[in-house]
Amino acid sequence: MYVCLCRGVTDKAIKQAVEDGCNSFREVRDQLDVGTCCGMCVPETRQLIDETLAQIASSISTAA
């Protein structure tokens, strides 16, 4: 699903950026250029980042 229509960024691209090491909105923004035009996608982008980070933390604690 497209999250940022202005830049053509999908939810999968955002999740992949987090899985590849981005830990904040700023890092995702710098990598994908998301949220740099109209800004309507910023809340959903932040939510996706938080959810993905939580999933990563959960999988790490479950594996340990």
PDB file of N, CA and C in Angstrom:
ATOM      1  N   MET A   1       0.842  -1.164   0.000  1.00  0.00           N
ATOM      2  CA  MET A   1       0.000   0.000   0.000  1.00  0.00           C
ATOM      3  C   MET A   1       0.898   1.242   0.000  1.00  0.00           C
ATOM      4  N   TYR A   2       0.508   2.226  -0.789  1.00  0.00           N
ATOM      5  CA  TYR A   2       1.257   3.475  -0.808  1.00  0.00           C
ATOM      6  C   TYR A   2       0.939   4.292   0.434  1.00  0.00           C
ATOM      7  N   VAL A   3       1.973   4.722   1.117  1.00  0.00           N
ATOM      8  CA  VAL A   3       1.833   5.579   2.288  1.00  0.00           C
ATOM      9  C   VAL A   3       2.070   7.024   1.866  1.00  0.00           C
ATOM     10  N   CYS A   4       3.108   7.254   1.090  1.00  0.00           N
ATOM     11  CA  CYS A   4       3.446   8.593   0.603  1.00  0.00           C
ATOM     12  C   CYS A   4       3.186   8.639  -0.898  1.00  0.00           C
ATOM     13  N   LEU A   5       2.078   9.267  -1.272  1.00  0.00           N
ATOM     14  CA  LEU A   5       1.743   9.355  -2.688  1.00  0.00           C
ATOM     15  C   LEU A   5       2.655  10.325  -3.423  1.00  0.00           C
ATOM     16  N   CYS A   6       3.082  11.369  -2.747  1.00  0.00           N
ATOM     17  CA  CYS A   6       3.950  12.374  -3.387  1.00  0.00           C
ATOM     18  C   CYS A   6       5.261  11.764  -3.863  1.00  0.00           C
ATOM     19  N   ARG A   7       5.817  10.876  -3.069  1.00  0.00           N
ATOM     20  CA  ARG A   7       7.128  10.284  -3.375  1.00  0.00           C
ATOM     21  C   ARG A   7       7.029   8.818  -3.788  1.00  0.00           C
ATOM     22  N   GLY A   8       5.821   8.249  -3.774  1.00  0.00           N
ATOM     23  CA  GLY A   8       5.645   6.864  -4.200  1.00  0.00           C
ATOM     24  C   GLY A   8       6.267   5.850  -3.260  1.00  0.00           C
ATOM     25  N   VAL A   9       6.152   6.098  -1.949  1.00  0.00           N
ATOM     26  CA  VAL A   9       6.761   5.212  -0.954  1.00  0.00           C
ATOM     27  C   VAL A   9       5.684   4.295  -0.376  1.00  0.00           C
ATOM     28  N   THR A  10       5.977   3.007  -0.335  1.00  0.00           N
ATOM     29  CA  THR A  10       5.018   2.025   0.168  1.00  0.00           C
ATOM     30  C   THR A  10       5.304   1.648   1.617  1.00  0.00           C
ATOM     31  N   ASP A  11       4.323   0.996   2.226  1.00  0.00           N
ATOM     32  CA  ASP A  11       4.507   0.507   3.591  1.00  0.00           C
ATOM     33  C   ASP A  11       5.623  -0.530   3.636  1.00  0.00           C
ATOM     34  N   LYS A  12       5.749  -1.336   2.598  1.00  0.00           N
ATOM     35  CA  LYS A  12       6.810  -2.345   2.552  1.00  0.00           C
ATOM     36  C   LYS A  12       8.183  -1.696   2.516  1.00  0.00           C
ATOM     37  N   ALA A  13       8.322  -0.599   1.787  1.00  0.00           N
ATOM     38  CA  ALA A  13       9.608   0.098   1.725  1.00  0.00           C
ATOM     39  C   ALA A  13       9.975   0.685   3.083  1.00  0.00           C
ATOM     40  N   ILE A  14       8.987   1.213   3.796  1.00  0.00           N
ATOM     41  CA  ILE A  14       9.226   1.778   5.123  1.00  0.00           C
ATOM     42  C   ILE A  14       9.648   0.668   6.088  1.00  0.00           C
ATOM     43  N   LYS A  15       8.915  -0.438   6.085  1.00  0.00           N
ATOM     44  CA  LYS A  15       9.258  -1.561   6.959  1.00  0.00           C
ATOM     45  C   LYS A  15      10.643  -2.101   6.640  1.00  0.00           C
ATOM     46  N   GLN A  16      10.977  -2.192   5.365  1.00  0.00           N
ATOM     47  CA  GLN A  16      12.291  -2.692   4.963  1.00  0.00           C
ATOM     48  C   GLN A  16      13.391  -1.754   5.434  1.00  0.00           C
ATOM     49  N   ALA A  17      13.153  -0.453   5.362  1.00  0.00           N
ATOM     50  CA  ALA A  17      14.154   0.512   5.821  1.00  0.00           C
ATOM     51  C   ALA A  17      14.421   0.336   7.311  1.00  0.00           C
ATOM     52  N   VAL A  18      13.363   0.090   8.085  1.00  0.00           N
ATOM     53  CA  VAL A  18      13.530  -0.132   9.522  1.00  0.00           C
ATOM     54  C   VAL A  18      14.273  -1.441   9.766  1.00  0.00           C
ATOM     55  N   GLU A  19      13.897  -2.475   9.047  1.00  0.00           N
ATOM     56  CA  GLU A  19      14.571  -3.766   9.195  1.00  0.00           C
ATOM     57  C   GLU A  19      16.044  -3.675   8.790  1.00  0.00           C
ATOM     58  N   ASP A  20      16.362  -2.746   7.896  1.00  0.00           N
ATOM     59  CA  ASP A  20      17.747  -2.559   7.443  1.00  0.00           C
ATOM     60  C   ASP A  20      18.543  -1.638   8.358  1.00  0.00           C
ATOM     61  N   GLY A  21      17.904  -1.140   9.435  1.00  0.00           N
ATOM     62  CA  GLY A  21      18.670  -0.381  10.407  1.00  0.00           C
ATOM     63  C   GLY A  21      18.194   1.020  10.743  1.00  0.00           C
ATOM     64  N   CYS A  22      17.221   1.550  10.028  1.00  0.00           N
ATOM     65  CA  CYS A  22      16.701   2.869  10.380  1.00  0.00           C
ATOM     66  C   CYS A  22      15.921   2.754  11.688  1.00  0.00           C
ATOM     67  N   ASN A  23      16.208   3.641  12.630  1.00  0.00           N
ATOM     68  CA  ASN A  23      15.571   3.570  13.948  1.00  0.00           C
ATOM     69  C   ASN A  23      14.704   4.764  14.275  1.00  0.00           C
ATOM     70  N   SER A  24      14.535   5.688  13.343  1.00  0.00           N
ATOM     71  CA  SER A  24      13.739   6.878  13.614  1.00  0.00           C
ATOM     72  C   SER A  24      13.090   7.376  12.329  1.00  0.00           C
ATOM     73  N   PHE A  25      12.111   8.258  12.508  1.00  0.00           N
ATOM     74  CA  PHE A  25      11.470   8.865  11.348  1.00  0.00           C
ATOM     75  C   PHE A  25      12.501   9.616  10.510  1.00  0.00           C
ATOM     76  N   ARG A  26      13.382  10.327  11.172  1.00  0.00           N
ATOM     77  CA  ARG A  26      14.390  11.111  10.456  1.00  0.00           C
ATOM     78  C   ARG A  26      15.249  10.222   9.554  1.00  0.00           C
ATOM     79  N   GLU A  27      15.660   9.072  10.061  1.00  0.00           N
ATOM     80  CA  GLU A  27      16.484   8.171   9.254  1.00  0.00           C
ATOM     81  C   GLU A  27      15.704   7.612   8.065  1.00  0.00           C
ATOM     82  N   VAL A  28      14.440   7.244   8.302  1.00  0.00           N
ATOM     83  CA  VAL A  28      13.597   6.740   7.206  1.00  0.00           C
ATOM     84  C   VAL A  28      13.367   7.856   6.187  1.00  0.00           C
ATOM     85  N   ARG A  29      13.083   9.058   6.665  1.00  0.00           N
ATOM     86  CA  ARG A  29      12.866  10.203   5.775  1.00  0.00           C
ATOM     87  C   ARG A  29      14.094  10.450   4.913  1.00  0.00           C
ATOM     88  N   ASP A  30      15.259  10.431   5.524  1.00  0.00           N
ATOM     89  CA  ASP A  30      16.489  10.687   4.776  1.00  0.00           C
ATOM     90  C   ASP A  30      16.755   9.610   3.731  1.00  0.00           C
ATOM     91  N   GLN A  31      16.398   8.377   4.049  1.00  0.00           N
ATOM     92  CA  GLN A  31      16.648   7.272   3.117  1.00  0.00           C
ATOM     93  C   GLN A  31      15.617   7.219   1.990  1.00  0.00           C
ATOM     94  N   LEU A  32      14.331   7.432   2.327  1.00  0.00           N
ATOM     95  CA  LEU A  32      13.264   7.228   1.346  1.00  0.00           C
ATOM     96  C   LEU A  32      12.634   8.515   0.817  1.00  0.00           C
ATOM     97  N   ASP A  33      12.974   9.653   1.401  1.00  0.00           N
ATOM     98  CA  ASP A  33      12.401  10.948   1.020  1.00  0.00           C
ATOM     99  C   ASP A  33      10.911  11.036   1.356  1.00  0.00           C
ATOM    100  N   VAL A  34      10.461  10.188   2.274  1.00  0.00           N
ATOM    101  CA  VAL A  34       9.057  10.159   2.675  1.00  0.00           C
ATOM    102  C   VAL A  34       8.760  11.345   3.591  1.00  0.00           C
ATOM    103  N   GLY A  35       7.591  11.960   3.416  1.00  0.00           N
ATOM    104  CA  GLY A  35       7.187  13.060   4.281  1.00  0.00           C
ATOM    105  C   GLY A  35       7.848  14.382   3.986  1.00  0.00           C
ATOM    106  N   THR A  36       8.454  14.520   2.826  1.00  0.00           N
ATOM    107  CA  THR A  36       9.178  15.756   2.524  1.00  0.00           C
ATOM    108  C   THR A  36       8.412  16.690   1.601  1.00  0.00           C
ATOM    109  N   CYS A  37       7.205  16.302   1.203  1.00  0.00           N
ATOM    110  CA  CYS A  37       6.442  17.151   0.284  1.00  0.00           C
ATOM    111  C   CYS A  37       5.253  17.770   1.017  1.00  0.00           C
ATOM    112  N   CYS A  38       4.130  17.088   1.071  1.00  0.00           N
ATOM    113  CA  CYS A  38       2.937  17.665   1.709  1.00  0.00           C
ATOM    114  C   CYS A  38       2.844  17.324   3.194  1.00  0.00           C
ATOM    115  N   GLY A  39       3.462  16.213   3.613  1.00  0.00           N
ATOM    116  CA  GLY A  39       3.469  15.834   5.025  1.00  0.00           C
ATOM    117  C   GLY A  39       2.285  15.023   5.498  1.00  0.00           C
ATOM    118  N   MET A  40       1.325  14.741   4.631  1.00  0.00           N
ATOM    119  CA  MET A  40       0.141  13.983   5.039  1.00  0.00           C
ATOM    120  C   MET A  40       0.469  12.553   5.462  1.00  0.00           C
ATOM    121  N   CYS A  41       1.583  12.023   5.025  1.00  0.00           N
ATOM    122  CA  CYS A  41       1.954  10.643   5.315  1.00  0.00           C
ATOM    123  C   CYS A  41       2.744  10.493   6.614  1.00  0.00           C
ATOM    124  N   VAL A  42       3.135  11.584   7.224  1.00  0.00           N
ATOM    125  CA  VAL A  42       4.013  11.517   8.393  1.00  0.00           C
ATOM    126  C   VAL A  42       3.408  10.704   9.551  1.00  0.00           C
ATOM    127  N   PRO A  43       2.147  10.933   9.939  1.00  0.00           N
ATOM    128  CA  PRO A  43       1.609  10.132  11.052  1.00  0.00           C
ATOM    129  C   PRO A  43       1.609   8.624  10.768  1.00  0.00           C
ATOM    130  N   GLU A  44       1.194   8.235   9.576  1.00  0.00           N
ATOM    131  CA  GLU A  44       1.169   6.810   9.250  1.00  0.00           C
ATOM    132  C   GLU A  44       2.582   6.243   9.155  1.00  0.00           C
ATOM    133  N   THR A  45       3.510   7.018   8.636  1.00  0.00           N
ATOM    134  CA  THR A  45       4.902   6.576   8.563  1.00  0.00           C
ATOM    135  C   THR A  45       5.454   6.339   9.958  1.00  0.00           C
ATOM    136  N   ARG A  46       5.216   7.279  10.859  1.00  0.00           N
ATOM    137  CA  ARG A  46       5.689   7.125  12.242  1.00  0.00           C
ATOM    138  C   ARG A  46       5.080   5.883  12.899  1.00  0.00           C
ATOM    139  N   GLN A  47       3.805   5.641  12.638  1.00  0.00           N
ATOM    140  CA  GLN A  47       3.138   4.466  13.201  1.00  0.00           C
ATOM    141  C   GLN A  47       3.769   3.182  12.658  1.00  0.00           C
ATOM    142  N   LEU A  48       4.028   3.134  11.375  1.00  0.00           N
ATOM    143  CA  LEU A  48       4.659   1.949  10.776  1.00  0.00           C
ATOM    144  C   LEU A  48       6.056   1.716  11.343  1.00  0.00           C
ATOM    145  N   ILE A  49       6.793   2.783  11.546  1.00  0.00           N
ATOM    146  CA  ILE A  49       8.135   2.664  12.123  1.00  0.00           C
ATOM    147  C   ILE A  49       8.038   2.089  13.531  1.00  0.00           C
ATOM    148  N   ASP A  50       7.139   2.648  14.347  1.00  0.00           N
ATOM    149  CA  ASP A  50       6.972   2.165  15.726  1.00  0.00           C
ATOM    150  C   ASP A  50       6.546   0.706  15.766  1.00  0.00           C
ATOM    151  N   GLU A  51       5.600   0.330  14.913  1.00  0.00           N
ATOM    152  CA  GLU A  51       5.119  -1.059  14.873  1.00  0.00           C
ATOM    153  C   GLU A  51       6.231  -2.014  14.449  1.00  0.00           C
ATOM    154  N   THR A  52       7.003  -1.624  13.459  1.00  0.00           N
ATOM    155  CA  THR A  52       8.076  -2.480  12.969  1.00  0.00           C
ATOM    156  C   THR A  52       9.172  -2.622  14.014  1.00  0.00           C
ATOM    157  N   LEU A  53       9.520  -1.529  14.672  1.00  0.00           N
ATOM    158  CA  LEU A  53      10.522  -1.604  15.746  1.00  0.00           C
ATOM    159  C   LEU A  53      10.036  -2.500  16.883  1.00  0.00           C
ATOM    160  N   ALA A  54       8.749  -2.421  17.218  1.00  0.00           N
ATOM    161  CA  ALA A  54       8.181  -3.271  18.275  1.00  0.00           C
ATOM    162  C   ALA A  54       8.223  -4.740  17.860  1.00  0.00           C
ATOM    163  N   GLN A  55       7.926  -5.031  16.597  1.00  0.00           N
ATOM    164  CA  GLN A  55       7.978  -6.410  16.109  1.00  0.00           C
ATOM    165  C   GLN A  55       9.404  -6.952  16.169  1.00  0.00           C
ATOM    166  N   ILE A  56      10.363  -6.124  15.807  1.00  0.00           N
ATOM    167  CA  ILE A  56      11.761  -6.539  15.849  1.00  0.00           C
ATOM    168  C   ILE A  56      12.177  -6.811  17.292  1.00  0.00           C
ATOM    169  N   ALA A  57      11.818  -5.910  18.198  1.00  0.00           N
ATOM    170  CA  ALA A  57      12.158  -6.092  19.616  1.00  0.00           C
ATOM    171  C   ALA A  57      11.504  -7.358  20.174  1.00  0.00           C
ATOM    172  N   SER A  58      10.262  -7.605  19.792  1.00  0.00           N
ATOM    173  CA  SER A  58       9.546  -8.781  20.264  1.00  0.00           C
ATOM    174  C   SER A  58      10.197 -10.066  19.753  1.00  0.00           C
ATOM    175  N   SER A  59      10.595 -10.075  18.490  1.00  0.00           N
ATOM    176  CA  SER A  59      11.212 -11.274  17.940  1.00  0.00           C
ATOM    177  C   SER A  59      12.589 -11.519  18.555  1.00  0.00           C
ATOM    178  N   ILE A  60      13.287 -10.451  18.915  1.00  0.00           N
ATOM    179  CA  ILE A  60      14.595 -10.601  19.554  1.00  0.00           C
ATOM    180  C   ILE A  60      14.422 -11.160  20.959  1.00  0.00           C
ATOM    181  N   SER A  61      13.453 -10.639  21.707  1.00  0.00           N
ATOM    182  CA  SER A  61      13.251 -11.116  23.080  1.00  0.00           C
ATOM    183  C   SER A  61      12.694 -12.538  23.107  1.00  0.00           C
ATOM    184  N   THR A  62      11.926 -12.899  22.096  1.00  0.00           N
ATOM    185  CA  THR A  62      11.399 -14.262  22.019  1.00  0.00           C
ATOM    186  C   THR A  62      12.511 -15.249  21.685  1.00  0.00           C
ATOM    187  N   ALA A  63      13.433 -14.816  20.854  1.00  0.00           N
ATOM    188  CA  ALA A  63      14.539 -15.699  20.460  1.00  0.00           C
ATOM    189  C   ALA A  63      15.567 -15.872  21.581  1.00  0.00           C
ATOM    190  N   ALA A  64      15.616 -14.913  22.467  1.00  0.00           N
ATOM    191  CA  ALA A  64      16.635 -14.969  23.537  1.00  0.00           C
ATOM    192  C   ALA A  64      16.244 -15.819  24.675  1.00  0.00           C
TER     193      ALA A  64
END
